[in-house]
Amino acid sequence: MTLTTLATVAAEGEQLRELPIPPVAFGLLALAGFGLLLLVTFAFRSVSTRH
């Protein structure tokens, strides 16, 4: 790359993207997902002890 190309790329800077939902919502969605997995795990508890 030439020096002018590198200078142009450096001058533009980084493009920032906005999140589609607030950061707290990502945590709440993860918590809800893990809670759902916990319920599925408890649903299959003691399946191997049945006759």
PDB file of N, CA and C in Angstrom:
ATOM      1  N   MET A   1       0.838  -1.177   0.000  1.00  0.00           N
ATOM      2  CA  MET A   1       0.000   0.000   0.000  1.00  0.00           C
ATOM      3  C   MET A   1       0.883   1.240   0.000  1.00  0.00           C
ATOM      4  N   THR A   2       0.364   2.223  -0.627  1.00  0.00           N
ATOM      5  CA  THR A   2       1.140   3.454  -0.666  1.00  0.00           C
ATOM      6  C   THR A   2       0.906   4.264   0.595  1.00  0.00           C
ATOM      7  N   LEU A   3       1.733   5.232   0.785  1.00  0.00           N
ATOM      8  CA  LEU A   3       1.656   6.068   1.986  1.00  0.00           C
ATOM      9  C   LEU A   3       0.363   6.881   2.009  1.00  0.00           C
ATOM     10  N   THR A   4      -0.107   7.335   0.854  1.00  0.00           N
ATOM     11  CA  THR A   4      -1.345   8.132   0.823  1.00  0.00           C
ATOM     12  C   THR A   4      -2.564   7.257   1.144  1.00  0.00           C
ATOM     13  N   THR A   5      -2.537   6.020   0.714  1.00  0.00           N
ATOM     14  CA  THR A   5      -3.644   5.113   1.030  1.00  0.00           C
ATOM     15  C   THR A   5      -3.701   4.845   2.527  1.00  0.00           C
ATOM     16  N   LEU A   6      -2.561   4.600   3.124  1.00  0.00           N
ATOM     17  CA  LEU A   6      -2.507   4.376   4.563  1.00  0.00           C
ATOM     18  C   LEU A   6      -2.943   5.613   5.337  1.00  0.00           C
ATOM     19  N   ALA A   7      -2.557   6.779   4.870  1.00  0.00           N
ATOM     20  CA  ALA A   7      -2.947   8.020   5.533  1.00  0.00           C
ATOM     21  C   ALA A   7      -4.458   8.240   5.425  1.00  0.00           C
ATOM     22  N   THR A   8      -5.045   7.894   4.285  1.00  0.00           N
ATOM     23  CA  THR A   8      -6.486   8.051   4.099  1.00  0.00           C
ATOM     24  C   THR A   8      -7.251   7.107   5.010  1.00  0.00           C
ATOM     25  N   VAL A   9      -6.799   5.871   5.106  1.00  0.00           N
ATOM     26  CA  VAL A   9      -7.460   4.893   5.963  1.00  0.00           C
ATOM     27  C   VAL A   9      -7.339   5.290   7.421  1.00  0.00           C
ATOM     28  N   ALA A  10      -6.192   5.797   7.819  1.00  0.00           N
ATOM     29  CA  ALA A  10      -5.982   6.225   9.204  1.00  0.00           C
ATOM     30  C   ALA A  10      -6.818   7.465   9.531  1.00  0.00           C
ATOM     31  N   ALA A  11      -7.027   8.337   8.573  1.00  0.00           N
ATOM     32  CA  ALA A  11      -7.776   9.567   8.817  1.00  0.00           C
ATOM     33  C   ALA A  11      -9.268   9.300   8.956  1.00  0.00           C
ATOM     34  N   GLU A  12      -9.772   8.249   8.313  1.00  0.00           N
ATOM     35  CA  GLU A  12     -11.205   7.954   8.384  1.00  0.00           C
ATOM     36  C   GLU A  12     -11.604   7.486   9.782  1.00  0.00           C
ATOM     37  N   GLY A  13     -10.723   6.782  10.435  1.00  0.00           N
ATOM     38  CA  GLY A  13     -11.038   6.288  11.777  1.00  0.00           C
ATOM     39  C   GLY A  13     -11.910   5.052  11.717  1.00  0.00           C
ATOM     40  N   GLU A  14     -12.287   4.597  12.901  1.00  0.00           N
ATOM     41  CA  GLU A  14     -13.123   3.403  12.976  1.00  0.00           C
ATOM     42  C   GLU A  14     -14.589   3.785  12.896  1.00  0.00           C
ATOM     43  N   GLN A  15     -15.348   2.937  12.237  1.00  0.00           N
ATOM     44  CA  GLN A  15     -16.782   3.148  12.179  1.00  0.00           C
ATOM     45  C   GLN A  15     -17.414   2.362  13.320  1.00  0.00           C
ATOM     46  N   LEU A  16     -18.169   3.053  14.142  1.00  0.00           N
ATOM     47  CA  LEU A  16     -18.808   2.405  15.279  1.00  0.00           C
ATOM     48  C   LEU A  16     -20.218   1.984  14.899  1.00  0.00           C
ATOM     49  N   ARG A  17     -20.621   0.820  15.403  1.00  0.00           N
ATOM     50  CA  ARG A  17     -21.977   0.352  15.161  1.00  0.00           C
ATOM     51  C   ARG A  17     -22.763   0.437  16.457  1.00  0.00           C
ATOM     52  N   GLU A  18     -24.009   0.789  16.339  1.00  0.00           N
ATOM     53  CA  GLU A  18     -24.870   0.843  17.509  1.00  0.00           C
ATOM     54  C   GLU A  18     -25.434  -0.546  17.763  1.00  0.00           C
ATOM     55  N   LEU A  19     -25.603  -0.874  19.030  1.00  0.00           N
ATOM     56  CA  LEU A  19     -26.174  -2.158  19.387  1.00  0.00           C
ATOM     57  C   LEU A  19     -27.673  -2.144  19.097  1.00  0.00           C
ATOM     58  N   PRO A  20     -28.232  -3.289  18.691  1.00  0.00           N
ATOM     59  CA  PRO A  20     -29.669  -3.314  18.389  1.00  0.00           C
ATOM     60  C   PRO A  20     -30.538  -3.191  19.642  1.00  0.00           C
ATOM     61  N   ILE A  21     -30.009  -3.600  20.798  1.00  0.00           N
ATOM     62  CA  ILE A  21     -30.732  -3.484  22.056  1.00  0.00           C
ATOM     63  C   ILE A  21     -29.751  -2.964  23.109  1.00  0.00           C
ATOM     64  N   PRO A  22     -30.252  -2.446  24.220  1.00  0.00           N
ATOM     65  CA  PRO A  22     -29.338  -1.954  25.267  1.00  0.00           C
ATOM     66  C   PRO A  22     -28.484  -3.087  25.840  1.00  0.00           C
ATOM     67  N   PRO A  23     -27.297  -2.783  26.334  1.00  0.00           N
ATOM     68  CA  PRO A  23     -26.406  -3.826  26.863  1.00  0.00           C
ATOM     69  C   PRO A  23     -27.011  -4.626  28.014  1.00  0.00           C
ATOM     70  N   VAL A  24     -27.847  -3.990  28.827  1.00  0.00           N
ATOM     71  CA  VAL A  24     -28.474  -4.708  29.942  1.00  0.00           C
ATOM     72  C   VAL A  24     -29.397  -5.804  29.413  1.00  0.00           C
ATOM     73  N   ALA A  25     -30.029  -5.562  28.278  1.00  0.00           N
ATOM     74  CA  ALA A  25     -30.942  -6.541  27.705  1.00  0.00           C
ATOM     75  C   ALA A  25     -30.194  -7.810  27.280  1.00  0.00           C
ATOM     76  N   PHE A  26     -28.942  -7.681  26.860  1.00  0.00           N
ATOM     77  CA  PHE A  26     -28.161  -8.873  26.516  1.00  0.00           C
ATOM     78  C   PHE A  26     -27.974  -9.754  27.746  1.00  0.00           C
ATOM     79  N   GLY A  27     -27.694  -9.132  28.879  1.00  0.00           N
ATOM     80  CA  GLY A  27     -27.548  -9.885  30.116  1.00  0.00           C
ATOM     81  C   GLY A  27     -28.845 -10.545  30.545  1.00  0.00           C
ATOM     82  N   LEU A  28     -29.959  -9.819  30.417  1.00  0.00           N
ATOM     83  CA  LEU A  28     -31.248 -10.393  30.783  1.00  0.00           C
ATOM     84  C   LEU A  28     -31.641 -11.547  29.859  1.00  0.00           C
ATOM     85  N   LEU A  29     -31.338 -11.420  28.585  1.00  0.00           N
ATOM     86  CA  LEU A  29     -31.620 -12.515  27.648  1.00  0.00           C
ATOM     87  C   LEU A  29     -30.765 -13.739  27.965  1.00  0.00           C
ATOM     88  N   ALA A  30     -29.520 -13.521  28.310  1.00  0.00           N
ATOM     89  CA  ALA A  30     -28.653 -14.645  28.683  1.00  0.00           C
ATOM     90  C   ALA A  30     -29.151 -15.310  29.957  1.00  0.00           C
ATOM     91  N   LEU A  31     -29.566 -14.507  30.932  1.00  0.00           N
ATOM     92  CA  LEU A  31     -30.099 -15.051  32.178  1.00  0.00           C
ATOM     93  C   LEU A  31     -31.373 -15.860  31.923  1.00  0.00           C
ATOM     94  N   ALA A  32     -32.240 -15.359  31.075  1.00  0.00           N
ATOM     95  CA  ALA A  32     -33.464 -16.086  30.734  1.00  0.00           C
ATOM     96  C   ALA A  32     -33.142 -17.383  29.995  1.00  0.00           C
ATOM     97  N   GLY A  33     -32.160 -17.344  29.104  1.00  0.00           N
ATOM     98  CA  GLY A  33     -31.772 -18.554  28.378  1.00  0.00           C
ATOM     99  C   GLY A  33     -31.209 -19.619  29.300  1.00  0.00           C
ATOM    100  N   PHE A  34     -30.350 -19.208  30.237  1.00  0.00           N
ATOM    101  CA  PHE A  34     -29.793 -20.176  31.185  1.00  0.00           C
ATOM    102  C   PHE A  34     -30.864 -20.700  32.132  1.00  0.00           C
ATOM    103  N   GLY A  35     -31.823 -19.847  32.486  1.00  0.00           N
ATOM    104  CA  GLY A  35     -32.938 -20.311  33.310  1.00  0.00           C
ATOM    105  C   GLY A  35     -33.770 -21.356  32.591  1.00  0.00           C
ATOM    106  N   LEU A  36     -33.987 -21.148  31.300  1.00  0.00           N
ATOM    107  CA  LEU A  36     -34.714 -22.136  30.502  1.00  0.00           C
ATOM    108  C   LEU A  36     -33.948 -23.453  30.431  1.00  0.00           C
ATOM    109  N   LEU A  37     -32.646 -23.381  30.248  1.00  0.00           N
ATOM    110  CA  LEU A  37     -31.836 -24.597  30.242  1.00  0.00           C
ATOM    111  C   LEU A  37     -31.874 -25.307  31.596  1.00  0.00           C
ATOM    112  N   LEU A  38     -31.930 -24.548  32.670  1.00  0.00           N
ATOM    113  CA  LEU A  38     -32.045 -25.138  34.000  1.00  0.00           C
ATOM    114  C   LEU A  38     -33.363 -25.885  34.154  1.00  0.00           C
ATOM    115  N   LEU A  39     -34.452 -25.297  33.651  1.00  0.00           N
ATOM    116  CA  LEU A  39     -35.746 -25.964  33.722  1.00  0.00           C
ATOM    117  C   LEU A  39     -35.764 -27.250  32.892  1.00  0.00           C
ATOM    118  N   VAL A  40     -35.128 -27.239  31.745  1.00  0.00           N
ATOM    119  CA  VAL A  40     -35.051 -28.451  30.921  1.00  0.00           C
ATOM    120  C   VAL A  40     -34.240 -29.515  31.638  1.00  0.00           C
ATOM    121  N   THR A  41     -33.170 -29.119  32.288  1.00  0.00           N
ATOM    122  CA  THR A  41     -32.349 -30.067  33.042  1.00  0.00           C
ATOM    123  C   THR A  41     -33.145 -30.689  34.177  1.00  0.00           C
ATOM    124  N   PHE A  42     -33.917 -29.880  34.907  1.00  0.00           N
ATOM    125  CA  PHE A  42     -34.719 -30.409  36.002  1.00  0.00           C
ATOM    126  C   PHE A  42     -35.859 -31.281  35.500  1.00  0.00           C
ATOM    127  N   ALA A  43     -36.332 -31.041  34.290  1.00  0.00           N
ATOM    128  CA  ALA A  43     -37.406 -31.865  33.739  1.00  0.00           C
ATOM    129  C   ALA A  43     -36.922 -33.291  33.495  1.00  0.00           C
ATOM    130  N   PHE A  44     -35.661 -33.476  33.175  1.00  0.00           N
ATOM    131  CA  PHE A  44     -35.126 -34.812  32.902  1.00  0.00           C
ATOM    132  C   PHE A  44     -34.368 -35.386  34.096  1.00  0.00           C
ATOM    133  N   ARG A  45     -34.555 -34.788  35.259  1.00  0.00           N
ATOM    134  CA  ARG A  45     -33.928 -35.301  36.468  1.00  0.00           C
ATOM    135  C   ARG A  45     -34.580 -36.621  36.847  1.00  0.00           C
ATOM    136  N   SER A  46     -33.854 -37.565  37.292  1.00  0.00           N
ATOM    137  CA  SER A  46     -34.304 -38.881  37.738  1.00  0.00           C
ATOM    138  C   SER A  46     -34.996 -39.706  36.654  1.00  0.00           C
ATOM    139  N   VAL A  47     -34.719 -39.446  35.396  1.00  0.00           N
ATOM    140  CA  VAL A  47     -35.280 -40.256  34.321  1.00  0.00           C
ATOM    141  C   VAL A  47     -34.639 -41.636  34.314  1.00  0.00           C
ATOM    142  N   SER A  48     -33.378 -41.709  34.679  1.00  0.00           N
ATOM    143  CA  SER A  48     -32.685 -43.001  34.625  1.00  0.00           C
ATOM    144  C   SER A  48     -33.114 -43.934  35.752  1.00  0.00           C
ATOM    145  N   THR A  49     -33.761 -43.419  36.802  1.00  0.00           N
ATOM    146  CA  THR A  49     -34.177 -44.268  37.908  1.00  0.00           C
ATOM    147  C   THR A  49     -35.573 -44.852  37.715  1.00  0.00           C
ATOM    148  N   ARG A  50     -36.268 -44.449  36.677  1.00  0.00           N
ATOM    149  CA  ARG A  50     -37.615 -44.972  36.419  1.00  0.00           C
ATOM    150  C   ARG A  50     -37.528 -46.387  35.872  1.00  0.00           C
ATOM    151  N   HIS A  51     -38.571 -47.138  36.062  1.00  0.00           N
ATOM    152  CA  HIS A  51     -38.606 -48.513  35.542  1.00  0.00           C
ATOM    153  C   HIS A  51     -39.218 -48.552  34.180  1.00  0.00           C
TER     154      HIS A  51
END
